[in-house]
PDB file of N, CA and C in Angstrom:
ATOM      1  N   UNK A   1      76.978 106.374 110.948  1.00  0.00           N
ATOM      2  CA  UNK A   1      78.337 105.938 111.195  1.00  0.00           C
ATOM      3  C   UNK A   1      79.215 106.306 109.999  1.00  0.00           C
ATOM      4  N   UNK A   2      80.460 106.614 110.285  1.00  0.00           N
ATOM      5  CA  UNK A   2      81.433 106.921 109.243  1.00  0.00           C
ATOM      6  C   UNK A   2      81.817 105.655 108.493  1.00  0.00           C
ATOM      7  N   UNK A   3      82.540 105.842 107.404  1.00  0.00           N
ATOM      8  CA  UNK A   3      83.008 104.705 106.616  1.00  0.00           C
ATOM      9  C   UNK A   3      84.413 104.988 106.106  1.00  0.00           C
ATOM     10  N   UNK A   4      85.163 103.916 105.945  1.00  0.00           N
ATOM     11  CA  UNK A   4      86.497 104.009 105.360  1.00  0.00           C
ATOM     12  C   UNK A   4      86.466 103.429 103.959  1.00  0.00           C
ATOM     13  N   UNK A   5      87.059 104.148 103.037  1.00  0.00           N
ATOM     14  CA  UNK A   5      87.269 103.728 101.657  1.00  0.00           C
ATOM     15  C   UNK A   5      88.700 103.231 101.639  1.00  0.00           C
ATOM     16  N   UNK A   6      88.904 101.958 101.347  1.00  0.00           N
ATOM     17  CA  UNK A   6      90.226 101.345 101.419  1.00  0.00           C
ATOM     18  C   UNK A   6      90.577 100.787 100.045  1.00  0.00           C
ATOM     19  N   UNK A   7      91.681 101.282  99.490  1.00  0.00           N
ATOM     20  CA  UNK A   7      92.136 100.835  98.177  1.00  0.00           C
ATOM     21  C   UNK A   7      93.539 100.258  98.291  1.00  0.00           C
ATOM     22  N   UNK A   8      93.749  99.139  97.618  1.00  0.00           N
ATOM     23  CA  UNK A   8      95.063  98.507  97.504  1.00  0.00           C
ATOM     24  C   UNK A   8      95.396  98.513  96.018  1.00  0.00           C
ATOM     25  N   UNK A   9      96.528  99.127  95.643  1.00  0.00           N
ATOM     26  CA  UNK A   9      96.780  99.426  94.235  1.00  0.00           C
ATOM     27  C   UNK A   9      98.201  99.060  93.811  1.00  0.00           C
ATOM     28  N   UNK A  10      98.297  98.489  92.620  1.00  0.00           N
ATOM     29  CA  UNK A  10      99.567  98.365  91.911  1.00  0.00           C
ATOM     30  C   UNK A  10      99.429  99.222  90.657  1.00  0.00           C
ATOM     31  N   UNK A  11     100.229 100.259  90.557  1.00  0.00           N
ATOM     32  CA  UNK A  11     100.182 101.160  89.406  1.00  0.00           C
ATOM     33  C   UNK A  11     101.010 100.551  88.279  1.00  0.00           C
ATOM     34  N   UNK A  12     100.424 100.477  87.078  1.00  0.00           N
ATOM     35  CA  UNK A  12     101.118  99.928  85.917  1.00  0.00           C
ATOM     36  C   UNK A  12     101.429 100.999  84.868  1.00  0.00           C
ATOM     37  N   UNK A  13     100.811 102.165  84.973  1.00  0.00           N
ATOM     38  CA  UNK A  13     101.067 103.289  84.063  1.00  0.00           C
ATOM     39  C   UNK A  13     101.031 104.565  84.898  1.00  0.00           C
ATOM     40  N   UNK A  14     102.203 105.064  85.267  1.00  0.00           N
ATOM     41  CA  UNK A  14     102.315 106.220  86.170  1.00  0.00           C
ATOM     42  C   UNK A  14     101.618 107.465  85.621  1.00  0.00           C
ATOM     43  N   UNK A  15     101.767 107.749  84.332  1.00  0.00           N
ATOM     44  CA  UNK A  15     101.176 108.962  83.757  1.00  0.00           C
ATOM     45  C   UNK A  15      99.651 108.933  83.814  1.00  0.00           C
ATOM     46  N   UNK A  16      99.064 107.839  83.364  1.00  0.00           N
ATOM     47  CA  UNK A  16      97.605 107.724  83.382  1.00  0.00           C
ATOM     48  C   UNK A  16      97.081 107.715  84.813  1.00  0.00           C
ATOM     49  N   UNK A  17      97.791 107.033  85.709  1.00  0.00           N
ATOM     50  CA  UNK A  17      97.337 106.986  87.094  1.00  0.00           C
ATOM     51  C   UNK A  17      97.457 108.359  87.745  1.00  0.00           C
ATOM     52  N   UNK A  18      98.447 109.118  87.335  1.00  0.00           N
ATOM     53  CA  UNK A  18      98.565 110.494  87.827  1.00  0.00           C
ATOM     54  C   UNK A  18      97.354 111.333  87.460  1.00  0.00           C
ATOM     55  N   UNK A  19      96.836 111.120  86.259  1.00  0.00           N
ATOM     56  CA  UNK A  19      95.615 111.827  85.844  1.00  0.00           C
ATOM     57  C   UNK A  19      94.437 111.385  86.702  1.00  0.00           C
ATOM     58  N   UNK A  20      94.352 110.089  86.995  1.00  0.00           N
ATOM     59  CA  UNK A  20      93.314 109.589  87.903  1.00  0.00           C
ATOM     60  C   UNK A  20      93.399 110.306  89.244  1.00  0.00           C
ATOM     61  N   UNK A  21      94.596 110.343  89.826  1.00  0.00           N
ATOM     62  CA  UNK A  21      94.775 110.948  91.150  1.00  0.00           C
ATOM     63  C   UNK A  21      94.394 112.426  91.141  1.00  0.00           C
ATOM     64  N   UNK A  22      94.745 113.111  90.070  1.00  0.00           N
ATOM     65  CA  UNK A  22      94.426 114.544  89.947  1.00  0.00           C
ATOM     66  C   UNK A  22      92.915 114.777  89.981  1.00  0.00           C
ATOM     67  N   UNK A  23      92.161 113.897  89.338  1.00  0.00           N
ATOM     68  CA  UNK A  23      90.700 114.044  89.272  1.00  0.00           C
ATOM     69  C   UNK A  23      89.989 113.416  90.462  1.00  0.00           C
ATOM     70  N   UNK A  24      90.539 112.339  91.007  1.00  0.00           N
ATOM     71  CA  UNK A  24      89.864 111.615  92.088  1.00  0.00           C
ATOM     72  C   UNK A  24      89.840 112.420  93.382  1.00  0.00           C
ATOM     73  N   UNK A  25      90.920 113.102  93.697  1.00  0.00           N
ATOM     74  CA  UNK A  25      90.987 113.868  94.951  1.00  0.00           C
ATOM     75  C   UNK A  25      89.829 114.835  95.122  1.00  0.00           C
ATOM     76  N   UNK A  26      89.578 115.707  94.138  1.00  0.00           N
ATOM     77  CA  UNK A  26      88.433 116.618  94.263  1.00  0.00           C
ATOM     78  C   UNK A  26      87.090 115.909  94.328  1.00  0.00           C
ATOM     79  N   UNK A  27      86.929 114.813  93.580  1.00  0.00           N
ATOM     80  CA  UNK A  27      85.661 114.067  93.617  1.00  0.00           C
ATOM     81  C   UNK A  27      85.424 113.496  95.006  1.00  0.00           C
ATOM     82  N   UNK A  28      86.480 112.990  95.613  1.00  0.00           N
ATOM     83  CA  UNK A  28      86.376 112.440  96.970  1.00  0.00           C
ATOM     84  C   UNK A  28      86.057 113.544  97.966  1.00  0.00           C
ATOM     85  N   UNK A  29      86.748 114.671  97.866  1.00  0.00           N
ATOM     86  CA  UNK A  29      86.500 115.805  98.775  1.00  0.00           C
ATOM     87  C   UNK A  29      85.074 116.334  98.635  1.00  0.00           C
ATOM     88  N   UNK A  30      84.550 116.343  97.416  1.00  0.00           N
ATOM     89  CA  UNK A  30      83.176 116.822  97.185  1.00  0.00           C
ATOM     90  C   UNK A  30      82.137 115.986  97.910  1.00  0.00           C
ATOM     91  N   UNK A  31      82.484 114.773  98.287  1.00  0.00           N
ATOM     92  CA  UNK A  31      81.562 113.891  99.011  1.00  0.00           C
ATOM     93  C   UNK A  31      81.939 113.762 100.480  1.00  0.00           C
ATOM     94  N   UNK A  32      82.734 114.704 100.958  1.00  0.00           N
ATOM     95  CA  UNK A  32      83.092 114.704 102.370  1.00  0.00           C
ATOM     96  C   UNK A  32      84.231 113.779 102.732  1.00  0.00           C
ATOM     97  N   UNK A  33      84.898 113.207 101.735  1.00  0.00           N
ATOM     98  CA  UNK A  33      86.006 112.293 101.998  1.00  0.00           C
ATOM     99  C   UNK A  33      87.269 113.035 102.387  1.00  0.00           C
ATOM    100  N   UNK A  34      87.982 112.490 103.353  1.00  0.00           N
ATOM    101  CA  UNK A  34      89.259 113.043 103.804  1.00  0.00           C
ATOM    102  C   UNK A  34      90.276 111.914 103.826  1.00  0.00           C
ATOM    103  N   UNK A  35      91.407 112.143 103.183  1.00  0.00           N
ATOM    104  CA  UNK A  35      92.440 111.117 103.134  1.00  0.00           C
ATOM    105  C   UNK A  35      93.107 110.944 104.490  1.00  0.00           C
ATOM    106  N   UNK A  36      93.253 109.701 104.909  1.00  0.00           N
ATOM    107  CA  UNK A  36      93.965 109.352 106.132  1.00  0.00           C
ATOM    108  C   UNK A  36      95.333 108.762 105.810  1.00  0.00           C
ATOM    109  N   UNK A  37      95.433 108.082 104.678  1.00  0.00           N
ATOM    110  CA  UNK A  37      96.697 107.478 104.250  1.00  0.00           C
ATOM    111  C   UNK A  37      96.707 107.422 102.734  1.00  0.00           C
ATOM    112  N   UNK A  38      97.861 107.769 102.151  1.00  0.00           N
ATOM    113  CA  UNK A  38      98.028 107.688 100.695  1.00  0.00           C
ATOM    114  C   UNK A  38      99.457 107.263 100.395  1.00  0.00           C
ATOM    115  N   UNK A  39      99.635 105.984 100.166  1.00  0.00           N
ATOM    116  CA  UNK A  39     100.926 105.492  99.718  1.00  0.00           C
ATOM    117  C   UNK A  39     102.036 105.507 100.758  1.00  0.00           C
ATOM    118  N   UNK A  40     101.710 105.566 102.029  1.00  0.00           N
ATOM    119  CA  UNK A  40     102.735 105.572 103.074  1.00  0.00           C
ATOM    120  C   UNK A  40     103.320 104.191 103.333  1.00  0.00           C
ATOM    121  N   UNK A  41     104.199 104.150 104.280  1.00  0.00           N
ATOM    122  CA  UNK A  41     104.804 102.871 104.671  1.00  0.00           C
ATOM    123  C   UNK A  41     103.741 101.899 105.165  1.00  0.00           C
ATOM    124  N   UNK A  42     103.989 100.606 104.937  1.00  0.00           N
ATOM    125  CA  UNK A  42     103.054  99.592 105.410  1.00  0.00           C
ATOM    126  C   UNK A  42     103.799  98.276 105.610  1.00  0.00           C
ATOM    127  N   UNK A  43     103.169  97.386 106.325  1.00  0.00           N
ATOM    128  CA  UNK A  43     103.673  96.027 106.499  1.00  0.00           C
ATOM    129  C   UNK A  43     102.553  95.094 106.059  1.00  0.00           C
ATOM    130  N   UNK A  44     102.804  94.276 105.052  1.00  0.00           N
ATOM    131  CA  UNK A  44     101.813  93.313 104.571  1.00  0.00           C
ATOM    132  C   UNK A  44     101.906  92.072 105.446  1.00  0.00           C
ATOM    133  N   UNK A  45     100.852  91.753 106.147  1.00  0.00           N
ATOM    134  CA  UNK A  45     100.855  90.588 107.022  1.00  0.00           C
ATOM    135  C   UNK A  45     100.206  89.368 106.381  1.00  0.00           C
ATOM    136  N   UNK A  46      99.215  89.585 105.543  1.00  0.00           N
ATOM    137  CA  UNK A  46      98.529  88.486 104.855  1.00  0.00           C
ATOM    138  C   UNK A  46      98.044  88.985 103.504  1.00  0.00           C
ATOM    139  N   UNK A  47      97.773  88.052 102.614  1.00  0.00           N
ATOM    140  CA  UNK A  47      97.164  88.379 101.335  1.00  0.00           C
ATOM    141  C   UNK A  47      98.135  88.968 100.327  1.00  0.00           C
ATOM    142  N   UNK A  48      97.566  89.397  99.209  1.00  0.00           N
ATOM    143  CA  UNK A  48      98.353  89.939  98.104  1.00  0.00           C
ATOM    144  C   UNK A  48      98.866  91.337  98.444  1.00  0.00           C
ATOM    145  N   UNK A  49     100.144  91.519  98.287  1.00  0.00           N
ATOM    146  CA  UNK A  49     100.744  92.830  98.559  1.00  0.00           C
ATOM    147  C   UNK A  49     100.559  93.756  97.365  1.00  0.00           C
ATOM    148  N   UNK A  50     100.146  94.962  97.639  1.00  0.00           N
ATOM    149  CA  UNK A  50     100.046  96.030  96.650  1.00  0.00           C
ATOM    150  C   UNK A  50     100.906  97.176  97.176  1.00  0.00           C
ATOM    151  N   UNK A  51     101.736  97.788  96.339  1.00  0.00           N
ATOM    152  CA  UNK A  51     102.657  98.813  96.834  1.00  0.00           C
ATOM    153  C   UNK A  51     102.004 100.132  97.236  1.00  0.00           C
ATOM    154  N   UNK A  52     100.777 100.385  96.803  1.00  0.00           N
ATOM    155  CA  UNK A  52     100.117 101.643  97.160  1.00  0.00           C
ATOM    156  C   UNK A  52      98.820 101.316  97.880  1.00  0.00           C
ATOM    157  N   UNK A  53      98.640 101.922  99.034  1.00  0.00           N
ATOM    158  CA  UNK A  53      97.435 101.715  99.842  1.00  0.00           C
ATOM    159  C   UNK A  53      96.870 103.071 100.215  1.00  0.00           C
ATOM    160  N   UNK A  54      95.569 103.223 100.044  1.00  0.00           N
ATOM    161  CA  UNK A  54      94.910 104.506 100.285  1.00  0.00           C
ATOM    162  C   UNK A  54      93.720 104.273 101.202  1.00  0.00           C
ATOM    163  N   UNK A  55      93.590 105.147 102.203  1.00  0.00           N
ATOM    164  CA  UNK A  55      92.440 105.101 103.115  1.00  0.00           C
ATOM    165  C   UNK A  55      91.864 106.504 103.190  1.00  0.00           C
ATOM    166  N   UNK A  56      90.567 106.608 102.954  1.00  0.00           N
ATOM    167  CA  UNK A  56      89.858 107.885 103.094  1.00  0.00           C
ATOM    168  C   UNK A  56      88.648 107.658 103.990  1.00  0.00           C
ATOM    169  N   UNK A  57      88.360 108.643 104.802  1.00  0.00           N
ATOM    170  CA  UNK A  57      87.191 108.571 105.691  1.00  0.00           C
ATOM    171  C   UNK A  57      86.067 109.404 105.085  1.00  0.00           C
ATOM    172  N   UNK A  58      84.868 108.825 105.077  1.00  0.00           N
ATOM    173  CA  UNK A  58      83.670 109.505 104.582  1.00  0.00           C
ATOM    174  C   UNK A  58      82.656 109.624 105.719  1.00  0.00           C
ATOM    175  N   UNK A  59      81.734 110.576 105.617  1.00  0.00           N
ATOM    176  CA  UNK A  59      80.714 110.730 106.659  1.00  0.00           C
ATOM    177  C   UNK A  59      79.830 109.498 106.833  1.00  0.00           C
ATOM    178  N   UNK A  60      79.650 108.721 105.757  1.00  0.00           N
ATOM    179  CA  UNK A  60      78.806 107.525 105.836  1.00  0.00           C
ATOM    180  C   UNK A  60      79.181 106.572 104.704  1.00  0.00           C
ATOM    181  N   UNK A  61      78.760 105.332 104.848  1.00  0.00           N
ATOM    182  CA  UNK A  61      78.952 104.344 103.796  1.00  0.00           C
ATOM    183  C   UNK A  61      78.234 104.791 102.529  1.00  0.00           C
ATOM    184  N   UNK A  62      77.037 105.315 102.697  1.00  0.00           N
ATOM    185  CA  UNK A  62      76.250 105.759 101.545  1.00  0.00           C
ATOM    186  C   UNK A  62      76.952 106.880 100.784  1.00  0.00           C
ATOM    187  N   UNK A  63      77.574 107.797 101.513  1.00  0.00           N
ATOM    188  CA  UNK A  63      78.276 108.911 100.855  1.00  0.00           C
ATOM    189  C   UNK A  63      79.499 108.403 100.102  1.00  0.00           C
ATOM    190  N   UNK A  64      80.199 107.413 100.652  1.00  0.00           N
ATOM    191  CA  UNK A  64      81.357 106.831  99.963  1.00  0.00           C
ATOM    192  C   UNK A  64      80.918 106.142  98.672  1.00  0.00           C
ATOM    193  N   UNK A  65      79.827 105.404  98.728  1.00  0.00           N
ATOM    194  CA  UNK A  65      79.326 104.721  97.532  1.00  0.00           C
ATOM    195  C   UNK A  65      78.819 105.743  96.513  1.00  0.00           C
ATOM    196  N   UNK A  66      78.162 106.806  96.997  1.00  0.00           N
ATOM    197  CA  UNK A  66      77.707 107.870  96.093  1.00  0.00           C
ATOM    198  C   UNK A  66      78.896 108.523  95.400  1.00  0.00           C
ATOM    199  N   UNK A  67      79.980 108.697  96.120  1.00  0.00           N
ATOM    200  CA  UNK A  67      81.194 109.241  95.524  1.00  0.00           C
ATOM    201  C   UNK A  67      81.673 108.334  94.400  1.00  0.00           C
ATOM    202  N   UNK A  68      81.784 107.058  94.679  1.00  0.00           N
ATOM    203  CA  UNK A  68      82.255 106.098  93.673  1.00  0.00           C
ATOM    204  C   UNK A  68      81.394 106.160  92.413  1.00  0.00           C
ATOM    205  N   UNK A  69      80.098 106.274  92.588  1.00  0.00           N
ATOM    206  CA  UNK A  69      79.169 106.272  91.458  1.00  0.00           C
ATOM    207  C   UNK A  69      78.994 107.630  90.798  1.00  0.00           C
ATOM    208  N   UNK A  70      79.580 108.671  91.357  1.00  0.00           N
ATOM    209  CA  UNK A  70      79.410 110.015  90.820  1.00  0.00           C
ATOM    210  C   UNK A  70      80.086 110.163  89.459  1.00  0.00           C
ATOM    211  N   UNK A  71      79.548 111.025  88.608  1.00  0.00           N
ATOM    212  CA  UNK A  71      80.181 111.267  87.305  1.00  0.00           C
ATOM    213  C   UNK A  71      81.637 111.730  87.429  1.00  0.00           C
ATOM    214  N   UNK A  72      81.935 112.555  88.418  1.00  0.00           N
ATOM    215  CA  UNK A  72      83.304 113.056  88.580  1.00  0.00           C
ATOM    216  C   UNK A  72      84.271 111.928  88.911  1.00  0.00           C
ATOM    217  N   UNK A  73      83.875 111.028  89.830  1.00  0.00           N
ATOM    218  CA  UNK A  73      84.773 109.933  90.171  1.00  0.00           C
ATOM    219  C   UNK A  73      84.871 108.922  89.030  1.00  0.00           C
ATOM    220  N   UNK A  74      83.782 108.662  88.353  1.00  0.00           N
ATOM    221  CA  UNK A  74      83.816 107.735  87.231  1.00  0.00           C
ATOM    222  C   UNK A  74      84.731 108.251  86.119  1.00  0.00           C
ATOM    223  N   UNK A  75      84.759 109.562  85.913  1.00  0.00           N
ATOM    224  CA  UNK A  75      85.689 110.153  84.952  1.00  0.00           C
ATOM    225  C   UNK A  75      87.123 109.889  85.404  1.00  0.00           C
ATOM    226  N   UNK A  76      87.407 110.105  86.679  1.00  0.00           N
ATOM    227  CA  UNK A  76      88.741 109.822  87.214  1.00  0.00           C
ATOM    228  C   UNK A  76      89.071 108.345  87.033  1.00  0.00           C
ATOM    229  N   UNK A  77      88.140 107.488  87.363  1.00  0.00           N
ATOM    230  CA  UNK A  77      88.349 106.049  87.303  1.00  0.00           C
ATOM    231  C   UNK A  77      88.667 105.566  85.887  1.00  0.00           C
ATOM    232  N   UNK A  78      88.151 106.257  84.888  1.00  0.00           N
ATOM    233  CA  UNK A  78      88.424 105.861  83.505  1.00  0.00           C
ATOM    234  C   UNK A  78      89.926 105.914  83.205  1.00  0.00           C
ATOM    235  N   UNK A  79      90.675 106.740  83.931  1.00  0.00           N
ATOM    236  CA  UNK A  79      92.127 106.831  83.747  1.00  0.00           C
ATOM    237  C   UNK A  79      92.862 105.735  84.519  1.00  0.00           C
ATOM    238  N   UNK A  80      92.258 105.213  85.564  1.00  0.00           N
ATOM    239  CA  UNK A  80      92.916 104.209  86.406  1.00  0.00           C
ATOM    240  C   UNK A  80      92.703 102.791  85.916  1.00  0.00           C
ATOM    241  N   UNK A  81      91.631 102.539  85.209  1.00  0.00           N
ATOM    242  CA  UNK A  81      91.266 101.158  84.860  1.00  0.00           C
ATOM    243  C   UNK A  81      92.355 100.422  84.097  1.00  0.00           C
ATOM    244  N   UNK A  82      92.981 101.047  83.126  1.00  0.00           N
ATOM    245  CA  UNK A  82      94.042 100.391  82.366  1.00  0.00           C
ATOM    246  C   UNK A  82      95.427 100.778  82.877  1.00  0.00           C
ATOM    247  N   UNK A  83      95.473 101.503  83.977  1.00  0.00           N
ATOM    248  CA  UNK A  83      96.738 101.989  84.517  1.00  0.00           C
ATOM    249  C   UNK A  83      97.076 101.384  85.869  1.00  0.00           C
ATOM    250  N   UNK A  84      96.234 100.440  86.320  1.00  0.00           N
ATOM    251  CA  UNK A  84      96.462  99.874  87.652  1.00  0.00           C
ATOM    252  C   UNK A  84      95.708  98.566  87.820  1.00  0.00           C
ATOM    253  N   UNK A  85      96.159  97.822  88.807  1.00  0.00           N
ATOM    254  CA  UNK A  85      95.418  96.677  89.323  1.00  0.00           C
ATOM    255  C   UNK A  85      95.041  97.068  90.733  1.00  0.00           C
ATOM    256  N   UNK A  86      93.774  96.921  91.105  1.00  0.00           N
ATOM    257  CA  UNK A  86      93.362  97.441  92.401  1.00  0.00           C
ATOM    258  C   UNK A  86      92.168  96.712  92.978  1.00  0.00           C
ATOM    259  N   UNK A  87      92.088  96.797  94.272  1.00  0.00           N
ATOM    260  CA  UNK A  87      90.907  96.365  95.002  1.00  0.00           C
ATOM    261  C   UNK A  87      90.431  97.584  95.782  1.00  0.00           C
ATOM    262  N   UNK A  88      89.123  97.740  95.880  1.00  0.00           N
ATOM    263  CA  UNK A  88      88.548  98.872  96.604  1.00  0.00           C
ATOM    264  C   UNK A  88      87.365  98.372  97.403  1.00  0.00           C
ATOM    265  N   UNK A  89      87.303  98.772  98.654  1.00  0.00           N
ATOM    266  CA  UNK A  89      86.166  98.419  99.499  1.00  0.00           C
ATOM    267  C   UNK A  89      85.793  99.613 100.354  1.00  0.00           C
ATOM    268  N   UNK A  90      84.573  99.606 100.834  1.00  0.00           N
ATOM    269  CA  UNK A  90      84.106 100.593 101.794  1.00  0.00           C
ATOM    270  C   UNK A  90      83.649  99.828 103.029  1.00  0.00           C
ATOM    271  N   UNK A  91      84.140 100.254 104.183  1.00  0.00           N
ATOM    272  CA  UNK A  91      83.833  99.575 105.444  1.00  0.00           C
ATOM    273  C   UNK A  91      83.240 100.587 106.415  1.00  0.00           C
ATOM    274  N   UNK A  92      82.074 100.279 106.935  1.00  0.00           N
ATOM    275  CA  UNK A  92      81.453 101.139 107.934  1.00  0.00           C
ATOM    276  C   UNK A  92      82.196 100.972 109.264  1.00  0.00           C
ATOM    277  N   UNK A  93      82.417 102.084 109.961  1.00  0.00           N
ATOM    278  CA  UNK A  93      83.137 102.034 111.240  1.00  0.00           C
ATOM    279  C   UNK A  93      82.309 102.705 112.325  1.00  0.00           C
ATOM    280  N   UNK A  94      82.561 102.307 113.532  1.00  0.00           N
ATOM    281  CA  UNK A  94      81.903 102.923 114.680  1.00  0.00           C
ATOM    282  C   UNK A  94      82.636 104.220 115.005  1.00  0.00           C
ATOM    283  N   UNK A  95      81.877 105.264 115.213  1.00  0.00           N
ATOM    284  CA  UNK A  95      82.476 106.557 115.566  1.00  0.00           C
ATOM    285  C   UNK A  95      82.691 106.669 117.054  1.00  0.00           C
TER     286      UNK A  95
END
C-alpha cells in the first residue's frame, strides 16, 4: 500500500528553510516520493494551524520512513530544525 508523508510547518527562518527545501526535494524523489501539495491554500478545521502544509505520496510506508532516515534527508533536515516548527507523519493509504 502507498503512504502519504504529511508535514505541517511554520517557517521561522526563510533562508535556512530554503536550503532544507533545496535538499529535501531530491532526497524525497530518490525514494519514490511525489509531491501532491506544497504550501497551497488550505482551511484549518481543527487543531493548531501551520501556514505551510506538504503532502507527498510514497510507494510504501517503509519507503517513506527510509527516506526520512536516509543520510540525504537527514542532511536536509539539519537546515530545517532551527528554521521551523513542524509536525511530520506518515500514513498508509489504500490504493
